[in-house]
Amino acid sequence: MAEGRFYLSVLALSSLGSMCVLFTVYWMWSWHGGFAWDGSILTFNCHPVLMVAGLVVVYSAGE
């Protein structure tokens, strides 16, 4: 029974982390003009998405 709760909590937290990344992408795309890889100011819009993905999702999975 404890294994089932563990896997359920891992699934719930993984889903929550994925939603955080998707909401950050939506936020950058809708309110900050999207993304670019041409050296313009829009290149920096990748930074919050990668920070959320790395520091929230990947780091919490490593814990």
N, C-alpha and C. Protein backbone atom coordinates (compact mmCIF):
# COMPACT_ATOMS: atom_id res chain seq x y z
N MET A 1 0.81 -1.19 0.00
CA MET A 1 0.00 0.00 0.00
C MET A 1 0.86 1.26 0.00
N ALA A 2 1.98 1.22 0.71
CA ALA A 2 2.86 2.39 0.77
C ALA A 2 3.48 2.67 -0.59
N GLU A 3 3.76 1.62 -1.36
CA GLU A 3 4.32 1.82 -2.69
C GLU A 3 3.35 2.54 -3.59
N GLY A 4 2.09 2.19 -3.50
CA GLY A 4 1.07 2.84 -4.32
C GLY A 4 0.97 4.33 -4.03
N ARG A 5 1.03 4.69 -2.74
CA ARG A 5 0.98 6.10 -2.38
C ARG A 5 2.21 6.84 -2.86
N PHE A 6 3.36 6.17 -2.79
CA PHE A 6 4.60 6.80 -3.26
C PHE A 6 4.53 7.10 -4.75
N TYR A 7 4.12 6.11 -5.54
CA TYR A 7 4.04 6.32 -6.98
C TYR A 7 2.96 7.33 -7.35
N LEU A 8 1.89 7.36 -6.60
CA LEU A 8 0.85 8.35 -6.83
C LEU A 8 1.36 9.76 -6.54
N SER A 9 2.12 9.91 -5.47
CA SER A 9 2.66 11.24 -5.15
C SER A 9 3.73 11.66 -6.16
N VAL A 10 4.53 10.71 -6.64
CA VAL A 10 5.51 11.04 -7.68
C VAL A 10 4.81 11.48 -8.96
N LEU A 11 3.75 10.79 -9.32
CA LEU A 11 2.98 11.17 -10.50
C LEU A 11 2.35 12.55 -10.34
N ALA A 12 1.79 12.81 -9.17
CA ALA A 12 1.16 14.11 -8.93
C ALA A 12 2.19 15.24 -8.96
N LEU A 13 3.33 15.05 -8.34
CA LEU A 13 4.35 16.10 -8.33
C LEU A 13 4.99 16.28 -9.70
N SER A 14 5.15 15.21 -10.46
CA SER A 14 5.67 15.34 -11.82
C SER A 14 4.68 16.09 -12.71
N SER A 15 3.41 15.82 -12.54
CA SER A 15 2.40 16.54 -13.30
C SER A 15 2.39 18.02 -12.93
N LEU A 16 2.53 18.32 -11.66
CA LEU A 16 2.57 19.70 -11.22
C LEU A 16 3.80 20.42 -11.77
N GLY A 17 4.94 19.76 -11.78
CA GLY A 17 6.15 20.35 -12.35
C GLY A 17 6.02 20.61 -13.83
N SER A 18 5.41 19.67 -14.55
CA SER A 18 5.19 19.86 -15.99
C SER A 18 4.23 21.01 -16.25
N MET A 19 3.22 21.15 -15.41
CA MET A 19 2.30 22.27 -15.55
C MET A 19 3.00 23.60 -15.29
N CYS A 20 3.92 23.63 -14.35
CA CYS A 20 4.69 24.86 -14.09
C CYS A 20 5.51 25.26 -15.31
N VAL A 21 6.14 24.29 -15.95
CA VAL A 21 6.92 24.59 -17.15
C VAL A 21 6.00 25.06 -18.27
N LEU A 22 4.88 24.39 -18.47
CA LEU A 22 3.96 24.79 -19.53
C LEU A 22 3.38 26.18 -19.28
N PHE A 23 3.05 26.50 -18.05
CA PHE A 23 2.55 27.84 -17.74
C PHE A 23 3.62 28.90 -17.95
N THR A 24 4.87 28.57 -17.66
CA THR A 24 5.95 29.52 -17.89
C THR A 24 6.16 29.75 -19.38
N VAL A 25 6.08 28.69 -20.19
CA VAL A 25 6.17 28.85 -21.64
C VAL A 25 5.02 29.70 -22.15
N TYR A 26 3.82 29.43 -21.68
CA TYR A 26 2.66 30.23 -22.09
C TYR A 26 2.83 31.69 -21.71
N TRP A 27 3.32 31.94 -20.51
CA TRP A 27 3.54 33.30 -20.02
C TRP A 27 4.55 34.03 -20.90
N MET A 28 5.66 33.38 -21.21
CA MET A 28 6.69 34.02 -22.05
C MET A 28 6.17 34.23 -23.47
N TRP A 29 5.42 33.28 -23.97
CA TRP A 29 4.93 33.38 -25.35
C TRP A 29 3.87 34.46 -25.49
N SER A 30 2.95 34.53 -24.54
CA SER A 30 1.81 35.44 -24.66
C SER A 30 2.13 36.87 -24.25
N TRP A 31 2.82 37.05 -23.13
CA TRP A 31 2.99 38.39 -22.59
C TRP A 31 4.36 38.99 -22.83
N HIS A 32 5.33 38.20 -23.24
CA HIS A 32 6.68 38.73 -23.44
C HIS A 32 7.16 38.59 -24.87
N GLY A 33 6.31 38.23 -25.79
CA GLY A 33 6.66 38.28 -27.20
C GLY A 33 7.21 37.02 -27.83
N GLY A 34 7.30 35.95 -27.09
CA GLY A 34 7.76 34.70 -27.68
C GLY A 34 9.24 34.46 -27.46
N PHE A 35 9.80 33.62 -28.30
CA PHE A 35 11.19 33.21 -28.17
C PHE A 35 11.93 33.49 -29.47
N ALA A 36 13.23 33.65 -29.37
CA ALA A 36 14.06 33.83 -30.56
C ALA A 36 15.44 33.27 -30.27
N TRP A 37 16.17 32.98 -31.30
CA TRP A 37 17.52 32.46 -31.15
C TRP A 37 18.46 33.24 -32.09
N ASP A 38 18.15 34.54 -32.26
CA ASP A 38 18.90 35.36 -33.20
C ASP A 38 19.72 36.45 -32.54
N GLY A 39 19.87 36.42 -31.25
CA GLY A 39 20.65 37.41 -30.54
C GLY A 39 19.85 38.63 -30.12
N SER A 40 18.57 38.65 -30.37
CA SER A 40 17.74 39.78 -29.96
C SER A 40 17.37 39.63 -28.49
N ILE A 41 16.59 40.58 -27.99
CA ILE A 41 16.16 40.55 -26.59
C ILE A 41 15.25 39.36 -26.30
N LEU A 42 14.61 38.82 -27.33
CA LEU A 42 13.71 37.68 -27.13
C LEU A 42 14.48 36.40 -26.78
N THR A 43 15.78 36.40 -27.00
CA THR A 43 16.58 35.24 -26.63
C THR A 43 16.54 35.02 -25.12
N PHE A 44 16.48 36.12 -24.37
CA PHE A 44 16.45 36.00 -22.90
C PHE A 44 15.18 35.36 -22.39
N ASN A 45 14.12 35.31 -23.20
CA ASN A 45 12.87 34.69 -22.76
C ASN A 45 13.01 33.20 -22.54
N CYS A 46 14.06 32.60 -23.05
CA CYS A 46 14.31 31.18 -22.77
C CYS A 46 14.79 30.98 -21.34
N HIS A 47 15.37 32.00 -20.74
CA HIS A 47 15.95 31.89 -19.41
C HIS A 47 14.95 31.48 -18.34
N PRO A 48 13.78 32.13 -18.21
CA PRO A 48 12.85 31.69 -17.16
C PRO A 48 12.33 30.28 -17.37
N VAL A 49 12.14 29.90 -18.63
CA VAL A 49 11.64 28.54 -18.91
C VAL A 49 12.69 27.52 -18.50
N LEU A 50 13.93 27.76 -18.87
CA LEU A 50 14.99 26.81 -18.51
C LEU A 50 15.27 26.80 -17.02
N MET A 51 15.12 27.95 -16.36
CA MET A 51 15.31 27.99 -14.91
C MET A 51 14.22 27.19 -14.19
N VAL A 52 12.98 27.34 -14.62
CA VAL A 52 11.89 26.57 -14.01
C VAL A 52 12.09 25.08 -14.29
N ALA A 53 12.43 24.75 -15.53
CA ALA A 53 12.62 23.34 -15.88
C ALA A 53 13.78 22.74 -15.09
N GLY A 54 14.87 23.45 -15.00
CA GLY A 54 16.05 22.91 -14.33
C GLY A 54 15.95 22.92 -12.83
N LEU A 55 15.62 24.08 -12.27
CA LEU A 55 15.66 24.21 -10.82
C LEU A 55 14.44 23.63 -10.12
N VAL A 56 13.31 23.64 -10.77
CA VAL A 56 12.10 23.13 -10.12
C VAL A 56 11.87 21.67 -10.46
N VAL A 57 11.85 21.35 -11.74
CA VAL A 57 11.47 20.00 -12.16
C VAL A 57 12.63 19.01 -12.01
N VAL A 58 13.77 19.31 -12.60
CA VAL A 58 14.89 18.36 -12.59
C VAL A 58 15.48 18.22 -11.19
N TYR A 59 15.66 19.35 -10.50
CA TYR A 59 16.23 19.28 -9.15
C TYR A 59 15.31 18.54 -8.19
N SER A 60 14.00 18.78 -8.31
CA SER A 60 13.09 18.08 -7.41
C SER A 60 13.01 16.59 -7.73
N ALA A 61 13.19 16.23 -8.98
CA ALA A 61 13.22 14.80 -9.33
C ALA A 61 14.48 14.14 -8.78
N GLY A 62 15.56 14.90 -8.69
CA GLY A 62 16.80 14.37 -8.14
C GLY A 62 16.75 14.19 -6.63
N GLU A 63 15.93 14.97 -5.98
CA GLU A 63 15.81 14.86 -4.54
C GLU A 63 15.14 13.56 -4.19
